[in-house]
Amino acid sequence: SMGSDEDWARAEEGLRTALEQLHMDYEVNEGDGAFYGPKIDFHLEDSLGRTWQCGTVQLDFQMPLNFDLEYVDADGTKKRPIMLHRVCFGSIERFIGILIEHFAGKFPTWLAPVQVKALPVSEKSRDYAHEVCAKLEEAGIRVVCDDRDEKIGYKIREARSIDRVPYMLILGEKEVEAGNISVRDRSNETVQMTVDEFVAKVTEEIKTRA
């Protein structure tokens, strides 16, 4: 470690006092700080019960000393700053990896990169699918229209098992005639509703982070 034992003791006591004033539970892991200062680690538990270090807050007396940093205080005197190193997520790649594993790729609606996939059954319902998608996009919903010339069963399996989208819209001639949509969720339950009803449902999920 860098610096004096006294500086380390002050830094450790500062972090401990901050945690206690915030009424946060913590455990002391002796010898686990970086070489330039002690730190607070935030550990997240995934769906398998494993814990991963993500965010950190590190209290650093040493870098300002080594670089001879100073600032002028309100009373006109020069003082040395104390540096805080803060990382909200830790390594962003590790954080995303934890999220993917935790949800097994099945992100909640608000977090899913693609929230809805529109699946026209045939060419006859393709234009209607694009109309529905336009309404969803206008409402701020992340939607993709899979208008490929593939069988509907194939598109459903791909959307459910590979893309893992929260909602699939199955759009055939019946939906075109009725002006509604067939909504299939991850439980494979399919219900009929209007586009406006579906937009209200999904936007509420996104707003409340259900």
Protein backbone atom coordinates (compact mmCIF):
# COMPACT_ATOMS: atom_id res chain seq x y z
CA SER A 1 0.00 0.00 0.00
CA MET A 2 0.99 3.62 -0.51
CA GLY A 3 1.28 6.26 2.19
CA SER A 4 1.43 6.07 5.95
CA ASP A 5 -0.49 3.77 8.24
CA GLU A 6 -2.08 6.87 9.76
CA ASP A 7 -3.49 7.95 6.37
CA TRP A 8 -4.94 4.48 5.81
CA ALA A 9 -6.51 4.46 9.27
CA ARG A 10 -8.11 7.87 8.60
CA ALA A 11 -9.45 6.71 5.24
CA GLU A 12 -10.86 3.48 6.66
CA GLU A 13 -12.51 5.35 9.52
CA GLY A 14 -14.01 7.86 7.06
CA LEU A 15 -15.62 5.10 5.00
CA ARG A 16 -16.83 3.27 8.10
CA THR A 17 -18.39 6.48 9.48
CA ALA A 18 -20.13 7.21 6.17
CA LEU A 19 -21.67 3.72 6.04
CA GLU A 20 -22.87 3.95 9.63
CA GLN A 21 -24.41 7.39 9.10
CA LEU A 22 -26.29 5.94 6.10
CA HIS A 23 -27.40 2.95 8.24
CA MET A 24 -25.94 0.51 5.73
CA ASP A 25 -24.90 -3.01 6.72
CA TYR A 26 -21.32 -3.87 5.86
CA GLU A 27 -18.53 -6.33 6.49
CA VAL A 28 -14.86 -5.42 6.79
CA ASN A 29 -12.60 -7.38 4.43
CA GLU A 30 -9.13 -6.72 5.75
CA GLY A 31 -6.40 -6.20 3.17
CA ASP A 32 -8.79 -5.96 0.23
CA GLY A 33 -8.27 -2.29 -0.71
CA ALA A 34 -6.37 -1.14 -3.78
CA PHE A 35 -2.80 -0.01 -3.18
CA TYR A 36 -3.74 3.71 -3.03
CA GLY A 37 -6.68 3.52 -0.61
CA PRO A 38 -9.45 1.53 1.07
CA LYS A 39 -12.78 1.11 -0.69
CA ILE A 40 -16.43 0.18 -0.35
CA ASP A 41 -17.45 -2.71 -2.61
CA PHE A 42 -21.04 -3.38 -3.59
CA HIS A 43 -21.77 -7.05 -4.28
CA LEU A 44 -24.78 -8.24 -6.26
CA GLU A 45 -26.27 -11.71 -5.90
CA ASP A 46 -27.38 -13.47 -9.08
CA SER A 47 -30.13 -16.05 -9.61
CA LEU A 48 -27.72 -18.88 -8.71
CA GLY A 49 -26.78 -17.30 -5.38
CA ARG A 50 -23.33 -16.21 -6.55
CA THR A 51 -22.08 -12.77 -5.55
CA TRP A 52 -20.22 -10.41 -7.87
CA GLN A 53 -18.37 -7.23 -7.01
CA CYS A 54 -19.75 -4.38 -9.09
CA GLY A 55 -19.82 -0.80 -7.85
CA THR A 56 -16.97 0.62 -5.76
CA VAL A 57 -16.25 3.84 -3.89
CA GLN A 58 -12.58 4.33 -3.05
CA LEU A 59 -11.12 6.95 -0.75
CA ASP A 60 -7.72 8.14 -1.98
CA PHE A 61 -5.37 10.38 0.00
CA GLN A 62 -2.32 9.32 -2.01
CA MET A 63 -2.85 10.54 -5.58
CA PRO A 64 -3.47 14.18 -4.57
CA LEU A 65 -0.29 13.97 -2.47
CA ASN A 66 1.79 12.42 -5.26
CA PHE A 67 0.64 14.99 -7.82
CA ASP A 68 0.92 17.84 -5.29
CA LEU A 69 -2.69 18.89 -5.90
CA GLU A 70 -4.06 21.97 -4.13
CA TYR A 71 -7.16 24.13 -4.13
CA VAL A 72 -7.92 27.53 -2.59
CA ASP A 73 -10.52 27.24 0.17
CA ALA A 74 -13.17 29.84 1.01
CA ASP A 75 -10.86 31.33 3.62
CA GLY A 76 -8.14 31.89 1.00
CA THR A 77 -5.83 29.14 2.24
CA LYS A 78 -4.43 26.37 0.09
CA LYS A 79 -5.58 22.88 0.95
CA ARG A 80 -5.07 19.42 -0.43
CA PRO A 81 -8.13 17.64 -1.87
CA ILE A 82 -9.15 14.08 -1.14
CA MET A 83 -10.00 12.01 -4.20
CA LEU A 84 -13.00 9.68 -4.52
CA HIS A 85 -12.87 7.00 -7.19
CA ARG A 86 -16.42 5.94 -7.96
CA VAL A 87 -17.54 3.18 -10.31
CA CYS A 88 -21.29 2.62 -10.48
CA PHE A 89 -21.35 -0.75 -12.27
CA GLY A 90 -17.75 -1.96 -12.13
CA SER A 91 -16.75 -3.46 -15.44
CA ILE A 92 -19.73 -2.79 -17.73
CA GLU A 93 -19.06 -6.06 -19.56
CA ARG A 94 -19.20 -8.01 -16.29
CA PHE A 95 -22.34 -6.16 -15.21
CA ILE A 96 -24.13 -6.97 -18.48
CA GLY A 97 -22.95 -10.57 -18.17
CA ILE A 98 -24.45 -10.78 -14.68
CA LEU A 99 -27.75 -9.35 -15.95
CA ILE A 100 -27.93 -11.81 -18.85
CA GLU A 101 -27.21 -14.78 -16.59
CA HIS A 102 -29.55 -13.55 -13.85
CA PHE A 103 -32.52 -13.27 -16.22
CA ALA A 104 -31.37 -16.14 -18.50
CA GLY A 105 -31.75 -13.62 -21.31
CA LYS A 106 -35.42 -13.04 -20.43
CA PHE A 107 -35.15 -9.39 -19.52
CA PRO A 108 -38.16 -7.63 -18.00
CA THR A 109 -40.07 -5.59 -20.53
CA TRP A 110 -38.59 -2.23 -19.52
CA LEU A 111 -35.04 -3.57 -19.94
CA ALA A 112 -35.41 -5.80 -23.00
CA PRO A 113 -33.57 -4.47 -26.09
CA VAL A 114 -36.54 -5.59 -28.21
CA GLN A 115 -39.78 -5.42 -26.24
CA VAL A 116 -42.18 -6.63 -28.90
CA LYS A 117 -41.88 -8.65 -32.10
CA ALA A 118 -44.63 -8.43 -34.68
CA LEU A 119 -45.00 -11.66 -36.64
CA PRO A 120 -47.19 -11.48 -39.74
CA VAL A 121 -48.50 -14.94 -40.66
CA SER A 122 -48.27 -14.33 -44.38
CA GLU A 123 -47.84 -11.63 -46.99
CA LYS A 124 -51.54 -10.81 -46.63
CA SER A 125 -51.02 -9.43 -43.13
CA ARG A 126 -47.62 -7.83 -43.72
CA ASP A 127 -48.87 -4.30 -44.29
CA TYR A 128 -51.09 -4.51 -41.21
CA ALA A 129 -48.10 -5.66 -39.15
CA HIS A 130 -46.15 -2.59 -40.24
CA GLU A 131 -49.10 -0.36 -39.30
CA VAL A 132 -49.21 -1.91 -35.82
CA CYS A 133 -45.45 -1.50 -35.44
CA ALA A 134 -45.69 2.17 -36.37
CA LYS A 135 -48.25 2.74 -33.60
CA LEU A 136 -46.04 0.97 -31.06
CA GLU A 137 -42.96 2.95 -32.11
CA GLU A 138 -44.95 6.16 -31.80
CA ALA A 139 -45.68 5.18 -28.18
CA GLY A 140 -41.96 4.67 -27.49
CA ILE A 141 -42.04 0.87 -27.51
CA ARG A 142 -39.04 -0.97 -28.97
CA VAL A 143 -40.58 -3.19 -31.64
CA VAL A 144 -39.30 -5.21 -34.58
CA CYS A 145 -41.42 -6.47 -37.46
CA ASP A 146 -40.29 -9.92 -38.62
CA ASP A 147 -41.74 -9.83 -42.13
CA ARG A 148 -39.47 -12.53 -43.54
CA ASP A 149 -41.01 -15.16 -45.79
CA GLU A 150 -40.76 -17.87 -43.14
CA LYS A 151 -43.34 -20.14 -41.54
CA ILE A 152 -45.04 -18.56 -38.51
CA GLY A 153 -43.99 -21.47 -36.26
CA TYR A 154 -40.34 -20.83 -37.08
CA LYS A 155 -40.65 -17.13 -36.35
CA ILE A 156 -42.39 -17.80 -33.03
CA ARG A 157 -39.71 -20.28 -31.91
CA GLU A 158 -36.94 -17.87 -32.85
CA ALA A 159 -38.57 -14.94 -31.05
CA ARG A 160 -39.25 -17.03 -27.94
CA SER A 161 -36.12 -19.21 -27.65
CA ILE A 162 -33.39 -17.08 -29.23
CA ASP A 163 -34.47 -13.44 -29.03
CA ARG A 164 -36.47 -14.05 -25.80
CA VAL A 165 -38.67 -11.04 -26.42
CA PRO A 166 -41.34 -10.33 -23.78
CA TYR A 167 -44.19 -10.15 -26.29
CA MET A 168 -44.97 -11.54 -29.73
CA LEU A 169 -47.83 -10.26 -31.86
CA ILE A 170 -49.26 -12.98 -34.12
CA LEU A 171 -50.95 -11.16 -37.00
CA GLY A 172 -52.97 -13.10 -39.54
CA GLU A 173 -56.00 -12.47 -41.72
CA LYS A 174 -58.38 -12.74 -38.74
CA GLU A 175 -56.53 -9.94 -36.95
CA VAL A 176 -56.51 -7.81 -40.08
CA GLU A 177 -60.29 -8.20 -40.48
CA ALA A 178 -61.03 -7.56 -36.80
CA GLY A 179 -58.48 -4.75 -36.49
CA ASN A 180 -57.00 -6.26 -33.33
CA ILE A 181 -53.90 -8.27 -32.36
CA SER A 182 -53.09 -11.69 -30.88
CA VAL A 183 -50.58 -11.20 -28.08
CA ARG A 184 -48.41 -14.09 -26.93
CA ASP A 185 -46.23 -13.68 -23.83
CA ARG A 186 -43.35 -15.81 -22.52
CA SER A 187 -45.74 -18.23 -20.83
CA ASN A 188 -47.13 -18.98 -24.31
CA GLU A 189 -50.52 -17.63 -23.29
CA THR A 190 -52.23 -15.88 -26.21
CA VAL A 191 -54.93 -13.25 -25.78
CA GLN A 192 -56.81 -10.99 -28.15
CA MET A 193 -56.79 -7.25 -27.57
CA THR A 194 -56.82 -3.95 -29.40
CA VAL A 195 -53.62 -2.15 -30.27
CA ASP A 196 -54.51 0.67 -27.85
CA GLU A 197 -55.05 -1.82 -25.00
CA PHE A 198 -51.70 -3.44 -25.69
CA VAL A 199 -49.89 -0.10 -25.88
CA ALA A 200 -51.37 0.89 -22.52
CA LYS A 201 -50.33 -2.44 -20.98
CA VAL A 202 -46.73 -2.30 -22.20
CA THR A 203 -46.17 1.38 -21.45
CA GLU A 204 -47.40 0.79 -17.89
CA GLU A 205 -44.94 -2.11 -17.50
CA ILE A 206 -42.13 0.11 -18.74
CA LYS A 207 -43.16 3.04 -16.56
CA THR A 208 -43.38 0.94 -13.37
CA ARG A 209 -40.45 -1.32 -14.31
CA ALA A 210 -42.65 -4.32 -13.59
